[in-house]
Amino acid sequence: MENAKIIGYGAYIPKYRIKTEQIAAVWGADPNSIKNGLKINEKAVAGVDEDSATIGVEATKNALKRAQIDVSQIGAIYIGSESHPYAVNPSSTMIGDAIGAGPNYTAADTQFACKAGTAAMQMVLGLVESKKIKYGVAIGADTAQGMPGDALEYSAASGGAGFVMGLADEKDACAEILETVSYSTDTPDFWRRPKEDYPQHAGRFTGEPAYFKHMMGATNLLLKKTNTTIDDYDYFVFHMPNGKFPLLMAKKYKIPIEKLKPSLVVEKIGNTYSGSSILGLCAVLDIAKSNDRILITSYGSGAGSDSFSIKVCKGIESKRGNALLVEDYIKNKQYINYAIYAKIRGKI
């Protein structure tokens, strides 16, 4: 069976930023302690007219600029998020309409905390490789919320990424998905009940028994299934709930920092939840060369991880410049204070 390929990829990050110092000042916290603990300097904040659907639209438009395909041939649109603008009414069809797709496509919104985007990628991958569809779009986007004064408020951010996937020659593709695996258990480290505005979390429990157990479980399973070692990969992308956890993952596997650093967008934009690991992937694709190998492992509370072995294709060089890079969005920023942040994010 021919492997599915990423024909086009795209990112979107809102321009608004709030610094860690701004949030810490409101709650009387030590900003240096927060920054040293989380390794996050500032986070991206969605504007009053932005949500996970609009972020998904912009990311998909960028992916289509690189894919250069006929949108009428898109057979699936899946978006993963834990902040869909409607409880009942799909984000996926709004995105489909905005990009001019359809109506002959399957659409669905996925939810699995921060790995809903990679789950969408796996679903599209299956449809493409079974030849049920020619092209599919997978998206992960969030406008994450943290309760005022909670530790999550320093990290919960906004942003997303989208991927156009299909079967293509190497010269027409950005990357090839060689293999994917998942590791899932019932581990309730993070949750939000119906009608509640903010999620709750189990504090330090989210570390070893949740994040690291599943991240390592999926990564080890992928290495075993592909008969590869850490040394076979040029870049690594690990889900970024903060800047500290992916660094600890790299330490556990003795991964050189230069193989991880390009993906660590969390330090500059925060944790974009369903967009987190795949924005890291986009950042790597922005600089990777043909035949480079990438290992990406996502994480979603509840809990599970998806891991992918990816090879960069020849088409990356000609396609990369067709849309804005992740770094372009990181640099395009406007700082806001806590009052404006609280207003546009509906906290007051």
Protein backbone atom coordinates (compact mmCIF):
# COMPACT_ATOMS: atom_id res chain seq x y z
CA MET A 1 0.00 0.00 0.00
CA GLU A 2 1.33 3.41 -0.97
CA ASN A 3 1.98 5.74 1.96
CA ALA A 4 -0.06 8.91 2.33
CA LYS A 5 1.88 12.11 1.82
CA ILE A 6 1.53 15.63 3.12
CA ILE A 7 0.90 17.57 -0.09
CA GLY A 8 0.65 20.91 1.68
CA TYR A 9 0.93 22.19 5.24
CA GLY A 10 0.00 25.49 6.82
CA ALA A 11 0.07 27.27 10.17
CA TYR A 12 -1.80 30.15 11.72
CA ILE A 13 -1.06 31.99 14.97
CA PRO A 14 -3.05 35.06 16.11
CA LYS A 15 -1.01 38.27 16.39
CA TYR A 16 -1.92 39.14 19.97
CA ARG A 17 0.53 38.21 22.76
CA ILE A 18 0.49 38.51 26.51
CA LYS A 19 3.72 38.21 28.47
CA THR A 20 4.07 35.94 31.47
CA GLU A 21 4.93 39.02 33.57
CA GLN A 22 1.51 40.57 32.80
CA ILE A 23 -0.37 37.54 34.12
CA ALA A 24 1.92 37.08 37.12
CA ALA A 25 1.52 40.73 38.16
CA VAL A 26 -2.27 40.34 38.45
CA TRP A 27 -1.99 37.32 40.77
CA GLY A 28 1.04 38.44 42.77
CA ALA A 29 3.20 35.61 41.43
CA ASP A 30 6.94 35.69 40.75
CA PRO A 31 7.27 35.92 36.93
CA ASN A 32 10.81 34.56 36.92
CA SER A 33 9.73 31.50 38.88
CA ILE A 34 6.84 30.95 36.45
CA LYS A 35 9.06 31.35 33.39
CA ASN A 36 11.76 29.09 34.78
CA GLY A 37 9.19 26.45 35.73
CA LEU A 38 7.13 26.45 32.54
CA LYS A 39 9.76 27.79 30.12
CA ILE A 40 7.14 30.00 28.49
CA ASN A 41 7.87 33.70 27.99
CA GLU A 42 4.60 34.74 26.36
CA LYS A 43 1.55 33.22 24.71
CA ALA A 44 -0.61 33.85 21.64
CA VAL A 45 -4.14 35.11 22.25
CA ALA A 46 -7.03 34.85 19.78
CA GLY A 47 -8.78 38.12 18.95
CA VAL A 48 -12.42 38.77 19.75
CA ASP A 49 -13.34 37.74 16.19
CA GLU A 50 -11.23 34.55 16.17
CA ASP A 51 -12.04 30.99 17.20
CA SER A 52 -10.82 27.49 16.35
CA ALA A 53 -12.84 27.50 13.13
CA THR A 54 -11.35 30.77 11.81
CA ILE A 55 -7.89 29.59 12.84
CA GLY A 56 -8.58 26.33 10.98
CA VAL A 57 -9.63 28.29 7.88
CA GLU A 58 -6.43 30.34 7.80
CA ALA A 59 -4.19 27.33 8.43
CA THR A 60 -5.96 25.35 5.69
CA LYS A 61 -5.68 28.21 3.21
CA ASN A 62 -1.93 28.24 3.80
CA ALA A 63 -1.80 24.45 3.34
CA LEU A 64 -3.71 24.78 0.06
CA LYS A 65 -1.28 27.44 -1.19
CA ARG A 66 1.44 24.83 -0.86
CA ALA A 67 -0.65 21.89 -2.07
CA GLN A 68 -1.82 23.60 -5.28
CA ILE A 69 -4.71 21.19 -5.81
CA ASP A 70 -8.28 21.50 -7.07
CA VAL A 71 -10.35 21.95 -3.88
CA SER A 72 -13.27 20.14 -5.50
CA GLN A 73 -11.20 16.93 -5.17
CA ILE A 74 -11.05 17.16 -1.37
CA GLY A 75 -12.92 14.15 -0.01
CA ALA A 76 -12.60 14.72 3.74
CA ILE A 77 -12.22 17.58 6.21
CA TYR A 78 -11.58 16.75 9.86
CA ILE A 79 -10.71 19.28 12.54
CA GLY A 80 -9.59 18.45 16.06
CA SER A 81 -10.15 20.91 18.88
CA GLU A 82 -11.33 21.20 22.47
CA SER A 83 -12.66 24.71 21.88
CA HIS A 84 -15.03 24.28 18.95
CA PRO A 85 -17.19 27.45 18.71
CA TYR A 86 -20.39 25.39 18.77
CA ALA A 87 -21.34 22.47 20.99
CA VAL A 88 -23.68 21.35 18.21
CA ASN A 89 -22.78 22.54 14.69
CA PRO A 90 -19.60 21.37 12.99
CA SER A 91 -16.50 23.50 12.53
CA SER A 92 -15.44 21.20 9.68
CA THR A 93 -18.26 22.22 7.33
CA MET A 94 -17.70 25.91 8.05
CA ILE A 95 -14.08 25.43 7.02
CA GLY A 96 -15.15 23.46 3.95
CA ASP A 97 -17.43 26.28 2.84
CA ALA A 98 -14.78 28.93 3.52
CA ILE A 99 -12.20 27.20 1.29
CA GLY A 100 -14.73 26.43 -1.45
CA ALA A 101 -14.75 22.65 -1.06
CA GLY A 102 -17.60 20.27 -1.60
CA PRO A 103 -20.26 19.34 -1.29
CA ASN A 104 -18.96 15.82 -1.94
CA TYR A 105 -16.80 15.38 1.15
CA THR A 106 -17.08 13.72 4.54
CA ALA A 107 -16.64 16.04 7.52
CA ALA A 108 -16.30 15.63 11.27
CA ASP A 109 -15.03 17.42 14.36
CA THR A 110 -12.74 15.36 16.58
CA GLN A 111 -12.07 15.77 20.29
CA PHE A 112 -9.28 14.18 22.32
CA ALA A 113 -7.79 17.05 24.29
CA CYS A 114 -4.47 18.13 22.76
CA LYS A 115 -4.11 15.21 20.33
CA ALA A 116 -7.37 15.73 18.44
CA GLY A 117 -5.42 17.18 15.52
CA THR A 118 -3.13 14.18 15.10
CA ALA A 119 -6.16 11.89 15.47
CA ALA A 120 -7.69 13.78 12.52
CA MET A 121 -4.47 13.18 10.57
CA GLN A 122 -4.69 9.44 11.21
CA MET A 123 -8.31 9.37 10.02
CA VAL A 124 -7.48 11.19 6.78
CA LEU A 125 -4.40 9.00 6.30
CA GLY A 126 -6.58 5.87 6.41
CA LEU A 127 -9.06 7.25 3.88
CA VAL A 128 -6.26 8.29 1.52
CA GLU A 129 -4.29 5.05 1.71
CA SER A 130 -7.44 2.94 1.21
CA LYS A 131 -8.17 5.15 -1.83
CA LYS A 132 -11.62 6.08 -0.56
CA ILE A 133 -10.69 9.71 -1.23
CA LYS A 134 -8.10 11.48 -3.37
CA TYR A 135 -7.27 14.30 -0.96
CA GLY A 136 -8.18 15.04 2.62
CA VAL A 137 -7.64 17.89 5.05
CA ALA A 138 -6.68 17.37 8.70
CA ILE A 139 -6.59 20.30 11.12
CA GLY A 140 -5.78 20.90 14.76
CA ALA A 141 -6.76 24.28 16.22
CA ASP A 142 -7.64 25.74 19.60
CA THR A 143 -8.33 28.91 21.51
CA ALA A 144 -7.38 27.31 24.80
CA GLN A 145 -8.71 28.63 28.09
CA GLY A 146 -7.28 28.62 31.58
CA MET A 147 -9.17 29.62 34.70
CA PRO A 148 -8.08 33.06 36.00
CA GLY A 149 -5.29 32.54 38.51
CA ASP A 150 -4.77 28.89 37.58
CA ALA A 151 -1.39 27.60 36.36
CA LEU A 152 -2.98 26.90 32.97
CA GLU A 153 -3.51 30.61 32.40
CA TYR A 154 0.21 31.04 31.77
CA SER A 155 0.27 28.41 29.01
CA ALA A 156 -3.19 28.02 27.40
CA ALA A 157 -2.81 29.70 24.00
CA SER A 158 -4.34 30.03 20.54
CA GLY A 159 -3.19 28.71 17.16
CA GLY A 160 -3.39 25.80 14.77
CA ALA A 161 -2.13 23.94 11.72
CA GLY A 162 -3.64 22.16 8.75
CA PHE A 163 -2.44 19.48 6.35
CA VAL A 164 -3.58 18.48 2.87
CA MET A 165 -2.91 14.77 2.47
CA GLY A 166 -3.03 12.52 -0.58
CA LEU A 167 -1.07 10.13 -2.79
CA ALA A 168 1.61 11.82 -4.87
CA ASP A 169 5.13 11.55 -6.22
CA GLU A 170 7.97 12.73 -3.99
CA LYS A 171 8.58 15.78 -6.16
CA ASP A 172 4.99 16.92 -5.56
CA ALA A 173 4.87 16.27 -1.82
CA CYS A 174 6.22 17.97 1.30
CA ALA A 175 6.56 14.82 3.38
CA GLU A 176 5.67 11.13 3.49
CA ILE A 177 4.05 9.52 6.52
CA LEU A 178 5.93 6.23 6.82
CA GLU A 179 4.13 4.90 9.89
CA THR A 180 1.87 5.90 12.76
CA VAL A 181 0.92 4.24 16.05
CA SER A 182 -1.11 5.15 19.12
CA TYR A 183 -0.99 4.44 22.85
CA SER A 184 -4.20 5.04 24.87
CA THR A 185 -5.51 4.45 28.40
CA ASP A 186 -8.21 5.81 30.69
CA THR A 187 -6.08 8.31 32.63
CA PRO A 188 -8.19 11.34 33.66
CA ASP A 189 -5.49 13.94 34.25
CA PHE A 190 -7.43 16.85 32.69
CA TRP A 191 -11.14 17.38 32.01
CA ARG A 192 -13.95 19.88 31.45
CA ARG A 193 -17.55 18.98 32.19
CA PRO A 194 -20.50 20.22 30.07
CA LYS A 195 -21.38 23.90 30.58
CA GLU A 196 -18.15 24.59 32.48
CA ASP A 197 -16.04 27.42 31.04
CA TYR A 198 -12.66 26.22 32.19
CA PRO A 199 -10.91 22.84 32.37
CA GLN A 200 -9.58 21.29 35.55
CA HIS A 201 -6.40 19.30 35.97
CA ALA A 202 -4.81 16.88 38.39
CA GLY A 203 -1.70 18.97 39.04
CA ARG A 204 1.52 16.97 39.20
CA PHE A 205 -0.41 13.84 38.25
CA THR A 206 -0.33 15.17 34.68
CA GLY A 207 3.41 14.41 34.52
CA GLU A 208 4.77 10.89 35.01
CA PRO A 209 1.56 8.76 35.01
CA ALA A 210 -0.07 10.80 32.25
CA TYR A 211 2.15 12.73 29.82
CA PHE A 212 5.40 10.77 30.07
CA LYS A 213 3.83 7.31 30.28
CA HIS A 214 1.83 7.85 27.08
CA MET A 215 4.45 9.85 25.20
CA MET A 216 7.10 7.21 25.84
CA GLY A 217 4.61 4.40 25.24
CA ALA A 218 3.77 5.68 21.76
CA THR A 219 7.35 6.65 20.90
CA ASN A 220 8.73 3.26 21.95
CA LEU A 221 5.99 1.49 20.01
CA LEU A 222 6.82 3.48 16.88
CA LEU A 223 10.55 2.78 17.15
CA LYS A 224 9.83 -0.93 17.55
CA LYS A 225 7.32 -1.10 14.70
CA THR A 226 9.59 0.78 12.28
CA ASN A 227 12.76 -1.00 13.49
CA THR A 228 14.43 2.38 13.93
CA THR A 229 16.44 4.07 16.68
CA ILE A 230 16.65 7.62 17.95
CA ASP A 231 19.79 8.11 15.85
CA ASP A 232 17.81 7.48 12.64
CA TYR A 233 15.91 10.77 13.04
CA ASP A 234 17.06 14.29 12.25
CA TYR A 235 14.27 16.13 14.09
CA PHE A 236 11.92 15.42 16.99
CA VAL A 237 8.59 17.00 17.86
CA PHE A 238 7.01 16.28 21.24
CA HIS A 239 3.73 17.71 22.48
CA MET A 240 4.37 20.95 24.35
CA PRO A 241 2.07 21.55 27.35
CA ASN A 242 4.96 23.73 28.51
CA GLY A 243 8.59 24.18 27.54
CA LYS A 244 9.89 21.83 30.23
CA PHE A 245 8.20 18.51 29.36
CA PRO A 246 9.54 18.11 25.79
CA LEU A 247 13.04 18.91 27.07
CA LEU A 248 12.67 16.14 29.65
CA MET A 249 11.51 13.78 26.87
CA ALA A 250 14.66 14.62 24.93
CA LYS A 251 16.76 13.97 28.04
CA LYS A 252 15.14 10.57 28.61
CA TYR A 253 16.04 9.53 25.04
CA LYS A 254 19.43 11.33 25.02
CA ILE A 255 18.33 13.42 22.03
CA PRO A 256 20.71 16.29 21.15
CA ILE A 257 19.03 19.66 21.77
CA GLU A 258 19.65 20.77 18.17
CA LYS A 259 17.28 18.01 16.98
CA LEU A 260 14.48 19.25 19.25
CA LYS A 261 14.96 23.02 19.41
CA PRO A 262 13.40 23.88 16.00
CA SER A 263 10.05 22.47 17.14
CA LEU A 264 9.88 24.28 20.52
CA VAL A 265 7.43 27.00 19.52
CA VAL A 266 5.80 26.79 22.96
CA GLU A 267 8.42 29.13 24.44
CA LYS A 268 7.17 31.95 22.23
CA ILE A 269 3.44 31.24 21.77
CA GLY A 270 2.36 28.95 24.62
CA ASN A 271 0.47 25.65 24.42
CA THR A 272 -2.00 25.75 21.52
CA TYR A 273 -3.51 22.42 22.61
CA SER A 274 -4.68 20.59 19.44
CA GLY A 275 -2.34 22.83 17.45
CA SER A 276 0.69 22.30 19.68
CA SER A 277 2.61 19.31 18.31
CA ILE A 278 1.53 19.93 14.72
CA LEU A 279 2.65 23.56 14.84
CA GLY A 280 5.98 22.14 15.97
CA LEU A 281 5.88 19.85 12.93
CA CYS A 282 5.18 22.82 10.65
CA ALA A 283 8.14 24.69 12.16
CA VAL A 284 10.39 21.72 11.37
CA LEU A 285 9.03 21.39 7.83
CA ASP A 286 9.87 25.08 7.38
CA ILE A 287 13.59 24.27 7.65
CA ALA A 288 13.96 20.55 6.88
CA LYS A 289 15.66 19.16 3.79
CA SER A 290 14.68 16.33 1.47
CA ASN A 291 15.16 12.87 3.04
CA ASP A 292 15.34 14.25 6.58
CA ARG A 293 13.51 12.03 9.06
CA ILE A 294 11.10 13.42 11.66
CA LEU A 295 9.60 11.71 14.70
CA ILE A 296 6.55 13.44 16.14
CA THR A 297 4.58 12.31 19.19
CA SER A 298 1.45 14.11 20.33
CA TYR A 299 -0.35 13.86 23.66
CA GLY A 300 -3.96 14.27 24.68
CA SER A 301 -5.24 14.11 28.24
CA GLY A 302 -7.65 11.35 29.06
CA ALA A 303 -5.18 9.96 27.84
CA GLY A 304 -3.35 9.02 24.67
CA SER A 305 -0.47 9.70 22.30
CA ASP A 306 -0.09 9.39 18.53
CA SER A 307 3.39 8.93 17.10
CA PHE A 308 4.47 9.35 13.46
CA SER A 309 7.57 8.52 11.44
CA ILE A 310 7.86 11.06 8.65
CA LYS A 311 10.30 11.47 5.76
CA VAL A 312 10.71 14.88 4.10
CA CYS A 313 10.11 14.77 0.32
CA LYS A 314 11.74 16.53 -2.63
CA GLY A 315 8.77 18.83 -3.18
CA ILE A 316 9.38 20.69 0.09
CA GLU A 317 11.82 23.15 -1.49
CA SER A 318 9.43 24.33 -4.21
CA LYS A 319 6.36 24.41 -1.95
CA ARG A 320 7.70 25.96 1.25
CA GLY A 321 7.77 29.54 0.01
CA ASN A 322 4.15 29.55 -1.16
CA ALA A 323 2.78 30.47 2.29
CA LEU A 324 3.85 32.16 5.52
CA LEU A 325 6.22 30.24 7.77
CA VAL A 326 5.63 29.58 11.46
CA GLU A 327 8.41 32.04 12.27
CA ASP A 328 6.59 34.74 10.25
CA TYR A 329 3.57 34.38 12.53
CA ILE A 330 5.74 34.30 15.65
CA LYS A 331 7.41 37.58 14.70
CA ASN A 332 4.13 39.30 13.72
CA LYS A 333 2.86 40.18 17.19
CA GLN A 334 1.13 42.87 19.17
CA TYR A 335 1.37 42.87 22.96
CA ILE A 336 -1.74 43.38 25.09
CA ASN A 337 -2.21 43.85 28.82
CA TYR A 338 -4.21 41.61 31.15
CA ALA A 339 -7.32 43.79 30.99
CA ILE A 340 -7.55 43.55 27.19
CA TYR A 341 -6.72 39.85 27.36
CA ALA A 342 -9.49 39.22 29.88
CA LYS A 343 -11.95 41.20 27.77
CA ILE A 344 -11.31 39.56 24.39
CA ARG A 345 -11.16 36.06 25.86
CA GLY A 346 -14.49 36.49 27.67
CA LYS A 347 -13.09 36.33 31.21
CA ILE A 348 -14.97 39.49 32.17
